[in-house]
């Protein structure tokens, strides 16, 4: 029996009518709010502040995005609702996909 991998939701910094979402650091701010939600409650290494692996800001094809792993729903359902409501309330485009690690980063 195989276990389905949790989905990743991409919140894109483009509104449904095609405008770029502002402020320009929205992705970092959203990911910063979610930084405390981590697998098994682990803390960031060396006590440094860092993003949660469940909610990561990135740029894809020149568009700021936040990749949200559906696993955060199991960790804290209210956090999941918060990010999804953020996207809805700001009329941001949302896509379901899977982030593939950069081959250059591996080797």
N, C-alpha and C. Protein backbone atom coordinates (compact mmCIF):
# COMPACT_ATOMS: atom_id res chain seq x y z
N UNK A 1 0.84 -1.19 0.00
CA UNK A 1 0.00 0.00 0.00
C UNK A 1 0.88 1.24 0.00
N UNK A 2 0.61 2.17 -0.87
CA UNK A 2 1.38 3.41 -0.93
C UNK A 2 0.62 4.53 -0.25
N UNK A 3 1.37 5.40 0.36
CA UNK A 3 0.79 6.56 1.02
C UNK A 3 0.92 7.75 0.08
N UNK A 4 -0.16 8.45 -0.12
CA UNK A 4 -0.13 9.62 -1.00
C UNK A 4 0.70 10.72 -0.35
N UNK A 5 1.56 11.33 -1.15
CA UNK A 5 2.37 12.44 -0.68
C UNK A 5 1.46 13.65 -0.45
N UNK A 6 1.67 14.36 0.64
CA UNK A 6 0.86 15.57 0.85
C UNK A 6 1.01 16.53 -0.33
N UNK A 7 -0.07 17.19 -0.64
CA UNK A 7 -0.05 18.15 -1.74
C UNK A 7 0.69 19.41 -1.32
N UNK A 8 1.14 20.11 -2.32
CA UNK A 8 1.71 21.43 -2.12
C UNK A 8 0.83 22.41 -2.87
N UNK A 9 0.51 23.49 -2.19
CA UNK A 9 -0.31 24.53 -2.76
C UNK A 9 0.59 25.73 -3.02
N UNK A 10 0.55 26.27 -4.23
CA UNK A 10 1.34 27.43 -4.60
C UNK A 10 0.43 28.66 -4.59
N UNK A 11 0.71 29.55 -3.66
CA UNK A 11 0.00 30.82 -3.64
C UNK A 11 0.87 31.79 -4.43
N UNK A 12 0.34 32.27 -5.53
CA UNK A 12 1.10 33.10 -6.44
C UNK A 12 0.82 34.58 -6.18
N UNK A 13 1.83 35.39 -6.33
CA UNK A 13 1.72 36.83 -6.10
C UNK A 13 1.10 37.57 -7.25
N UNK A 14 0.09 36.97 -7.85
CA UNK A 14 -0.65 37.59 -8.95
C UNK A 14 -2.14 37.42 -8.64
N UNK A 15 -2.87 38.52 -8.71
CA UNK A 15 -4.30 38.45 -8.45
C UNK A 15 -5.00 37.78 -9.64
N UNK A 16 -6.23 37.39 -9.42
CA UNK A 16 -6.98 36.71 -10.49
C UNK A 16 -7.15 37.57 -11.73
N UNK A 17 -7.09 38.90 -11.55
CA UNK A 17 -7.21 39.78 -12.72
C UNK A 17 -5.84 40.16 -13.30
N UNK A 18 -4.77 39.49 -12.83
CA UNK A 18 -3.46 39.63 -13.45
C UNK A 18 -2.54 40.69 -12.86
N UNK A 19 -2.96 41.37 -11.79
CA UNK A 19 -2.11 42.39 -11.19
C UNK A 19 -1.10 41.76 -10.22
N UNK A 20 0.09 42.35 -10.13
CA UNK A 20 1.10 41.92 -9.17
C UNK A 20 0.66 42.32 -7.78
N UNK A 21 0.71 41.38 -6.84
CA UNK A 21 0.28 41.65 -5.47
C UNK A 21 1.35 42.44 -4.74
N UNK A 22 0.92 43.39 -3.94
CA UNK A 22 1.80 44.24 -3.14
C UNK A 22 1.42 44.12 -1.69
N UNK A 23 2.35 44.27 -0.76
CA UNK A 23 3.71 44.77 -0.90
C UNK A 23 4.63 43.72 -1.50
N UNK A 24 5.79 44.15 -1.95
CA UNK A 24 6.69 43.24 -2.66
C UNK A 24 7.26 42.14 -1.77
N UNK A 25 7.23 42.31 -0.45
CA UNK A 25 7.76 41.27 0.45
C UNK A 25 6.64 40.44 1.09
N UNK A 26 5.48 40.39 0.45
CA UNK A 26 4.34 39.66 1.01
C UNK A 26 4.67 38.20 1.26
N UNK A 27 5.42 37.56 0.36
CA UNK A 27 5.71 36.12 0.50
C UNK A 27 6.58 35.86 1.73
N UNK A 28 7.57 36.69 1.94
CA UNK A 28 8.45 36.54 3.09
C UNK A 28 7.68 36.78 4.39
N UNK A 29 6.78 37.75 4.37
CA UNK A 29 5.97 38.05 5.55
C UNK A 29 5.05 36.87 5.89
N UNK A 30 4.37 36.34 4.88
CA UNK A 30 3.47 35.21 5.11
C UNK A 30 4.23 34.00 5.62
N UNK A 31 5.36 33.68 4.99
CA UNK A 31 6.17 32.55 5.43
C UNK A 31 6.73 32.79 6.83
N UNK A 32 7.05 34.04 7.15
CA UNK A 32 7.54 34.36 8.48
C UNK A 32 6.50 34.10 9.56
N UNK A 33 5.25 34.42 9.28
CA UNK A 33 4.17 34.16 10.22
C UNK A 33 4.03 32.66 10.47
N UNK A 34 4.30 31.87 9.44
CA UNK A 34 4.14 30.42 9.53
C UNK A 34 5.41 29.70 10.00
N UNK A 35 6.46 30.43 10.34
CA UNK A 35 7.76 29.82 10.64
C UNK A 35 7.76 28.88 11.84
N UNK A 36 6.84 29.03 12.75
CA UNK A 36 6.84 28.18 13.95
C UNK A 36 6.23 26.80 13.70
N UNK A 37 5.58 26.59 12.57
CA UNK A 37 4.96 25.30 12.29
C UNK A 37 5.97 24.41 11.57
N UNK A 38 6.46 23.40 12.32
CA UNK A 38 7.53 22.53 11.83
C UNK A 38 7.20 21.07 12.12
N UNK A 39 7.79 20.16 11.35
CA UNK A 39 7.56 18.73 11.61
C UNK A 39 7.99 18.36 13.04
N UNK A 40 7.12 17.68 13.75
CA UNK A 40 7.45 17.20 15.08
C UNK A 40 7.77 18.29 16.07
N UNK A 41 7.41 19.53 15.78
CA UNK A 41 7.67 20.63 16.69
C UNK A 41 9.14 21.01 16.80
N UNK A 42 9.97 20.55 15.85
CA UNK A 42 11.40 20.86 15.90
C UNK A 42 11.65 22.35 15.81
N UNK A 43 12.72 22.78 16.41
CA UNK A 43 13.12 24.19 16.36
C UNK A 43 14.11 24.40 15.23
N UNK A 44 14.26 25.63 14.83
CA UNK A 44 15.25 25.97 13.81
C UNK A 44 16.64 25.64 14.35
N UNK A 45 17.53 25.22 13.48
CA UNK A 45 18.90 24.87 13.88
C UNK A 45 19.61 26.07 14.49
N UNK A 46 20.41 25.79 15.50
CA UNK A 46 21.25 26.79 16.14
C UNK A 46 20.47 27.99 16.67
N UNK A 47 19.16 27.83 16.87
CA UNK A 47 18.36 28.91 17.40
C UNK A 47 18.10 30.05 16.44
N UNK A 48 18.52 29.91 15.18
CA UNK A 48 18.30 30.97 14.20
C UNK A 48 16.87 30.89 13.69
N UNK A 49 16.34 32.03 13.39
CA UNK A 49 15.01 32.09 12.82
C UNK A 49 15.08 31.64 11.37
N UNK A 50 14.14 30.84 10.97
CA UNK A 50 14.10 30.37 9.59
C UNK A 50 12.67 30.02 9.21
N UNK A 51 12.47 29.80 7.94
CA UNK A 51 11.14 29.44 7.46
C UNK A 51 10.83 27.99 7.78
N UNK A 52 9.57 27.71 7.95
CA UNK A 52 9.10 26.35 8.14
C UNK A 52 9.23 25.61 6.80
N UNK A 53 9.56 24.31 6.84
CA UNK A 53 9.57 23.56 5.58
C UNK A 53 8.16 23.39 5.02
N UNK A 54 7.15 23.71 5.81
CA UNK A 54 5.77 23.63 5.35
C UNK A 54 5.29 24.86 4.60
N UNK A 55 6.04 25.95 4.70
CA UNK A 55 5.59 27.21 4.09
C UNK A 55 6.82 28.01 3.68
N UNK A 56 7.15 27.95 2.40
CA UNK A 56 8.42 28.49 1.92
C UNK A 56 8.18 29.53 0.82
N UNK A 57 8.77 30.72 0.98
CA UNK A 57 8.67 31.70 -0.10
C UNK A 57 9.66 31.34 -1.21
N UNK A 58 9.27 31.60 -2.43
CA UNK A 58 10.14 31.32 -3.56
C UNK A 58 9.71 32.19 -4.75
N UNK A 59 10.49 32.15 -5.81
CA UNK A 59 10.14 32.83 -7.05
C UNK A 59 10.10 31.77 -8.15
N UNK A 60 8.99 31.71 -8.87
CA UNK A 60 8.83 30.75 -9.95
C UNK A 60 8.46 31.52 -11.21
N UNK A 61 9.30 31.39 -12.23
CA UNK A 61 9.07 32.10 -13.49
C UNK A 61 8.88 33.60 -13.26
N UNK A 62 9.66 34.16 -12.35
CA UNK A 62 9.61 35.58 -12.09
C UNK A 62 8.45 36.04 -11.22
N UNK A 63 7.67 35.11 -10.70
CA UNK A 63 6.52 35.45 -9.86
C UNK A 63 6.78 35.00 -8.43
N UNK A 64 6.64 35.93 -7.48
CA UNK A 64 6.77 35.56 -6.07
C UNK A 64 5.65 34.61 -5.70
N UNK A 65 6.01 33.56 -4.96
CA UNK A 65 5.04 32.55 -4.54
C UNK A 65 5.35 32.11 -3.11
N UNK A 66 4.38 31.49 -2.49
CA UNK A 66 4.60 30.77 -1.24
C UNK A 66 4.12 29.35 -1.49
N UNK A 67 5.01 28.39 -1.23
CA UNK A 67 4.66 26.99 -1.37
C UNK A 67 4.25 26.49 0.00
N UNK A 68 3.00 26.04 0.11
CA UNK A 68 2.45 25.58 1.39
C UNK A 68 2.18 24.09 1.28
N UNK A 69 2.82 23.32 2.15
CA UNK A 69 2.62 21.88 2.17
C UNK A 69 1.34 21.58 2.95
N UNK A 70 0.52 20.73 2.39
CA UNK A 70 -0.75 20.39 3.02
C UNK A 70 -0.57 19.74 4.39
N UNK A 71 0.62 19.25 4.69
CA UNK A 71 0.88 18.63 5.99
C UNK A 71 0.65 19.62 7.13
N UNK A 72 0.74 20.91 6.87
CA UNK A 72 0.51 21.90 7.92
C UNK A 72 -0.92 21.80 8.44
N UNK A 73 -1.81 21.29 7.62
CA UNK A 73 -3.21 21.12 8.04
C UNK A 73 -3.30 20.17 9.23
N UNK A 74 -2.46 19.12 9.22
CA UNK A 74 -2.46 18.16 10.33
C UNK A 74 -1.77 18.73 11.57
N UNK A 75 -0.76 19.57 11.36
CA UNK A 75 -0.03 20.17 12.47
C UNK A 75 -0.90 21.21 13.18
N UNK A 76 -1.54 22.07 12.39
CA UNK A 76 -2.39 23.13 12.96
C UNK A 76 -3.42 23.56 11.92
N UNK A 77 -4.63 23.00 12.01
CA UNK A 77 -5.67 23.34 11.02
C UNK A 77 -5.95 24.84 10.90
N UNK A 78 -5.83 25.58 12.00
CA UNK A 78 -6.08 27.02 11.92
C UNK A 78 -5.01 27.73 11.10
N UNK A 79 -3.77 27.22 11.12
CA UNK A 79 -2.70 27.81 10.31
C UNK A 79 -3.00 27.57 8.83
N UNK A 80 -3.46 26.36 8.50
CA UNK A 80 -3.85 26.05 7.11
C UNK A 80 -4.96 27.00 6.67
N UNK A 81 -5.97 27.14 7.50
CA UNK A 81 -7.07 28.04 7.17
C UNK A 81 -6.57 29.47 6.98
N UNK A 82 -5.62 29.89 7.82
CA UNK A 82 -5.08 31.24 7.72
C UNK A 82 -4.45 31.50 6.35
N UNK A 83 -3.57 30.59 5.89
CA UNK A 83 -2.90 30.84 4.60
C UNK A 83 -3.88 30.74 3.44
N UNK A 84 -4.82 29.81 3.52
CA UNK A 84 -5.79 29.68 2.43
C UNK A 84 -6.74 30.89 2.40
N UNK A 85 -7.12 31.37 3.57
CA UNK A 85 -7.97 32.57 3.63
C UNK A 85 -7.21 33.81 3.18
N UNK A 86 -5.90 33.86 3.48
CA UNK A 86 -5.07 34.97 3.00
C UNK A 86 -5.12 35.02 1.47
N UNK A 87 -4.95 33.88 0.84
CA UNK A 87 -4.98 33.83 -0.62
C UNK A 87 -6.36 34.23 -1.15
N UNK A 88 -7.40 33.70 -0.54
CA UNK A 88 -8.76 34.03 -1.00
C UNK A 88 -9.08 35.50 -0.78
N UNK A 89 -8.79 36.01 0.43
CA UNK A 89 -9.12 37.39 0.76
C UNK A 89 -8.40 38.40 -0.13
N UNK A 90 -7.20 38.03 -0.60
CA UNK A 90 -6.42 38.93 -1.46
C UNK A 90 -6.56 38.59 -2.94
N UNK A 91 -7.47 37.68 -3.24
CA UNK A 91 -7.79 37.30 -4.62
C UNK A 91 -6.56 36.80 -5.38
N UNK A 92 -5.69 36.05 -4.68
CA UNK A 92 -4.47 35.54 -5.29
C UNK A 92 -4.71 34.23 -6.02
N UNK A 93 -3.96 34.01 -7.07
CA UNK A 93 -4.04 32.76 -7.80
C UNK A 93 -3.40 31.65 -6.97
N UNK A 94 -4.06 30.50 -6.95
CA UNK A 94 -3.58 29.35 -6.19
C UNK A 94 -3.55 28.16 -7.14
N UNK A 95 -2.46 27.39 -7.05
CA UNK A 95 -2.33 26.19 -7.89
C UNK A 95 -1.82 25.04 -7.04
N UNK A 96 -2.27 23.85 -7.37
CA UNK A 96 -1.77 22.66 -6.72
C UNK A 96 -0.67 22.09 -7.60
N UNK A 97 0.47 21.79 -7.00
CA UNK A 97 1.59 21.26 -7.77
C UNK A 97 2.56 20.59 -6.81
N UNK A 98 3.70 20.23 -7.34
CA UNK A 98 4.75 19.63 -6.53
C UNK A 98 6.05 20.33 -6.87
N UNK A 99 6.72 20.85 -5.86
CA UNK A 99 7.99 21.54 -6.06
C UNK A 99 9.09 20.49 -6.21
N UNK A 100 9.78 20.49 -7.33
CA UNK A 100 10.86 19.54 -7.57
C UNK A 100 12.17 20.19 -7.19
N UNK A 101 12.97 19.52 -6.33
CA UNK A 101 14.24 20.11 -5.92
C UNK A 101 15.14 20.40 -7.12
N UNK A 102 15.89 21.48 -7.03
CA UNK A 102 16.81 21.88 -8.07
C UNK A 102 17.97 20.87 -8.14
N UNK A 103 18.20 20.29 -9.30
CA UNK A 103 19.25 19.28 -9.48
C UNK A 103 20.63 19.85 -9.13
N UNK A 104 20.84 21.14 -9.36
CA UNK A 104 22.13 21.76 -9.05
C UNK A 104 22.38 21.78 -7.55
N UNK A 105 21.31 21.88 -6.75
CA UNK A 105 21.46 21.93 -5.30
C UNK A 105 21.95 20.59 -4.74
N UNK A 106 21.69 19.51 -5.46
CA UNK A 106 22.09 18.17 -4.99
C UNK A 106 23.54 17.88 -5.23
N UNK A 107 24.11 18.48 -6.22
CA UNK A 107 25.39 18.00 -6.51
C UNK A 107 26.43 18.78 -7.03
